[in-house]
Amino acid sequence: MRISGSNSIRLLSLAETSKSDNELENEHIAEKIKEIYQLHPDMGYRRIRDELDVNYGIPVNDKRVFRIYQKIGVQSSIKWRPKVA
C-alpha cells in the first residue's frame, strides 16, 4: 500500500494532535485521583482504586491506577515501620 507524500504528512499531524480514548479516560481518572488524594493523602493506590470503583463508579485495574498515580506524582503520606520483636 502506497501513501503519497502530502497524505503521509497529514496523517502524521493527525496522529500527533488527537488523543486516543484511553488517553482521555486516563486524564479523567487522573483528575479523580487528584481529587481523592486532596481529601485523603494517606490513601495508597489500592485504596484509591477501591474508592474509584465504589464511590465514583469507575471500575479500573490496580496497575492502571498505579501507573497514573506515579505519572501525576502523588504518593501516600504513611510509611510503615517493621515491628520490632
Protein backbone atom coordinates (compact mmCIF):
# COMPACT_ATOMS: atom_id res chain seq x y z
CA MET A 1 0.00 0.00 0.00
CA ARG A 2 1.41 3.35 -1.03
CA ILE A 3 0.67 6.73 0.51
CA SER A 4 1.56 9.96 -1.23
CA GLY A 5 3.82 12.49 0.47
CA SER A 6 1.10 15.02 1.25
CA ASN A 7 -1.18 12.36 2.73
CA SER A 8 1.57 10.96 4.92
CA ILE A 9 2.26 14.41 6.38
CA ARG A 10 -1.46 14.93 7.03
CA LEU A 11 -1.77 11.52 8.72
CA LEU A 12 1.27 12.15 10.91
CA SER A 13 -0.06 15.53 12.05
CA LEU A 14 -3.44 13.97 12.90
CA ALA A 15 -1.76 11.21 14.89
CA GLU A 16 0.22 13.74 16.93
CA THR A 17 -2.68 16.03 17.82
CA SER A 18 -5.55 13.66 18.52
CA LYS A 19 -5.68 11.67 21.73
CA SER A 20 -6.96 8.15 21.96
CA ASP A 21 -9.97 7.19 24.07
CA ASN A 22 -7.65 5.55 26.61
CA GLU A 23 -5.60 8.72 26.98
CA LEU A 24 -8.75 10.79 27.54
CA GLU A 25 -10.03 8.26 30.07
CA ASN A 26 -6.65 8.27 31.84
CA GLU A 27 -6.84 12.06 32.14
CA HIS A 28 -10.33 11.76 33.63
CA ILE A 29 -9.11 9.12 36.10
CA ALA A 30 -6.08 11.29 36.97
CA GLU A 31 -8.40 14.19 37.87
CA LYS A 32 -10.43 11.90 40.14
CA ILE A 33 -7.25 10.52 41.74
CA LYS A 34 -6.06 14.08 42.48
CA GLU A 35 -9.47 14.87 43.98
CA ILE A 36 -9.38 11.78 46.21
CA TYR A 37 -5.75 12.47 47.14
CA GLN A 38 -6.62 16.03 48.26
CA LEU A 39 -9.25 14.60 50.63
CA HIS A 40 -7.23 11.57 51.79
CA PRO A 41 -3.45 11.96 51.34
CA ASP A 42 -2.90 8.78 53.35
CA MET A 43 -4.55 6.54 50.75
CA GLY A 44 -2.36 4.38 48.55
CA TYR A 45 -3.13 3.33 45.02
CA ARG A 46 -5.08 0.21 46.09
CA ARG A 47 -7.43 2.13 48.35
CA ILE A 48 -7.83 4.84 45.71
CA ARG A 49 -8.80 2.13 43.22
CA ASP A 50 -11.44 0.90 45.66
CA GLU A 51 -12.67 4.47 46.12
CA LEU A 52 -12.93 4.97 42.35
CA ASP A 53 -14.92 1.75 41.98
CA VAL A 54 -17.31 2.16 44.91
CA ASN A 55 -17.94 5.91 45.15
CA TYR A 56 -17.27 7.13 41.60
CA GLY A 57 -18.47 4.10 39.63
CA ILE A 58 -15.21 3.82 37.68
CA PRO A 59 -14.07 0.19 37.55
CA VAL A 60 -10.33 0.28 36.90
CA ASN A 61 -7.35 -2.06 37.27
CA ASP A 62 -4.80 -1.67 40.11
CA LYS A 63 -1.93 -1.48 37.61
CA ARG A 64 -3.60 1.32 35.68
CA VAL A 65 -4.24 3.33 38.85
CA PHE A 66 -0.63 2.76 39.94
CA ARG A 67 0.71 3.91 36.55
CA ILE A 68 -1.42 7.09 36.63
CA TYR A 69 -0.60 7.57 40.33
CA GLN A 70 3.12 7.61 39.53
CA LYS A 71 2.70 9.77 36.41
CA ILE A 72 0.94 12.59 38.28
CA GLY A 73 3.48 12.35 41.13
CA VAL A 74 1.32 11.64 44.16
CA GLN A 75 2.44 9.38 46.99
CA SER A 76 0.84 8.12 50.17
CA SER A 77 1.99 10.02 53.27
CA ILE A 78 2.05 6.97 55.56
CA LYS A 79 5.19 4.88 55.86
CA TRP A 80 5.01 1.54 57.65
CA ARG A 81 7.74 0.59 60.08
CA PRO A 82 8.72 -3.02 60.66
CA LYS A 83 7.65 -4.41 64.02
CA VAL A 84 10.47 -4.86 66.47
CA ALA A 85 10.20 -8.11 68.39
